[in-house]
Amino acid sequence: MLQKKIVINIQTNCEKCRTEAMKAAAKALGVNSVEVQGEDKKRMVVIGEGVDAAALTKLVRKKIKNASLEMVQQL
């Protein structure tokens, strides 16, 4: 199965909220790695196999309210 790189914009300034969003994403089925990138730490990059990008974004949105799917790329 092909790996995907999923980029989700997260709109929060709270470190605790970012951590909660990362924990939620890491628990999703098929996720291999999660990291926050960018100077303002508003881009969460998830790499995994068979991950449903829309479902993952919805899961993160439940934790921090403001999250939007930016990009899905096959690796």
Protein backbone atom coordinates (compact mmCIF):
# COMPACT_ATOMS: atom_id res chain seq x y z
CA MET A 1 0.00 0.00 0.00
CA LEU A 2 1.23 3.50 -0.78
CA GLN A 3 2.18 5.98 1.88
CA LYS A 4 0.45 9.35 2.02
CA LYS A 5 1.61 12.69 3.31
CA ILE A 6 -1.31 14.62 4.77
CA VAL A 7 -0.96 18.28 5.78
CA ILE A 8 -3.57 19.73 8.12
CA ASN A 9 -3.72 23.41 9.10
CA ILE A 10 -4.34 23.78 12.81
CA GLN A 11 -5.42 27.15 14.16
CA THR A 12 -4.28 27.27 17.77
CA ASN A 13 -1.67 29.11 19.81
CA CYS A 14 -1.89 26.77 22.79
CA GLU A 15 0.88 24.17 23.13
CA LYS A 16 -1.46 21.85 25.05
CA CYS A 17 -4.01 21.98 22.21
CA ARG A 18 -1.31 21.16 19.64
CA THR A 19 -0.23 18.20 21.75
CA GLU A 20 -3.82 16.94 22.02
CA ALA A 21 -4.25 17.22 18.25
CA MET A 22 -1.01 15.30 17.65
CA LYS A 23 -2.03 12.56 20.09
CA ALA A 24 -5.41 12.18 18.37
CA ALA A 25 -3.76 11.95 14.94
CA ALA A 26 -1.15 9.45 16.16
CA LYS A 27 -3.89 7.09 17.37
CA ALA A 28 -5.55 6.95 13.94
CA LEU A 29 -5.30 3.69 12.02
CA GLY A 30 -2.34 3.52 9.63
CA VAL A 31 -0.46 6.60 10.90
CA ASN A 32 3.33 6.16 11.01
CA SER A 33 4.47 9.66 12.05
CA VAL A 34 3.06 13.02 13.12
CA GLU A 35 4.93 16.30 13.40
CA VAL A 36 4.17 20.01 13.60
CA GLN A 37 6.02 22.19 11.11
CA GLY A 38 6.30 25.82 10.20
CA GLU A 39 7.59 28.86 12.01
CA ASP A 40 4.20 29.44 13.62
CA LYS A 41 3.61 25.67 14.22
CA LYS A 42 0.28 25.70 12.39
CA ARG A 43 0.91 22.82 9.98
CA MET A 44 0.59 19.24 11.15
CA VAL A 45 2.19 16.72 8.79
CA VAL A 46 0.97 13.12 9.06
CA ILE A 47 2.57 10.25 7.18
CA GLY A 48 0.93 6.85 7.00
CA GLU A 49 -0.46 4.01 4.91
CA GLY A 50 -4.15 3.78 4.11
CA VAL A 51 -5.06 6.85 6.17
CA ASP A 52 -8.37 8.53 5.31
CA ALA A 53 -7.44 12.23 5.14
CA ALA A 54 -11.01 13.51 5.62
CA ALA A 55 -11.63 11.27 8.64
CA LEU A 56 -8.28 12.29 10.15
CA THR A 57 -9.09 15.98 9.72
CA LYS A 58 -12.48 15.43 11.34
CA LEU A 59 -10.81 13.65 14.27
CA VAL A 60 -8.36 16.52 14.80
CA ARG A 61 -11.19 19.04 14.44
CA LYS A 62 -13.03 17.35 17.33
CA LYS A 63 -10.03 18.05 19.57
CA ILE A 64 -9.15 21.63 18.62
CA LYS A 65 -12.19 22.93 16.68
CA ASN A 66 -10.18 24.77 14.00
CA ALA A 67 -8.49 22.39 11.59
CA SER A 68 -8.60 22.20 7.81
CA LEU A 69 -7.13 19.80 5.27
CA GLU A 70 -4.46 21.52 3.19
CA MET A 71 -2.87 18.78 1.10
CA VAL A 72 -2.74 15.03 0.44
CA GLN A 73 0.24 13.68 -1.46
CA GLN A 74 1.29 10.15 -2.43
CA LEU A 75 4.86 9.30 -1.43
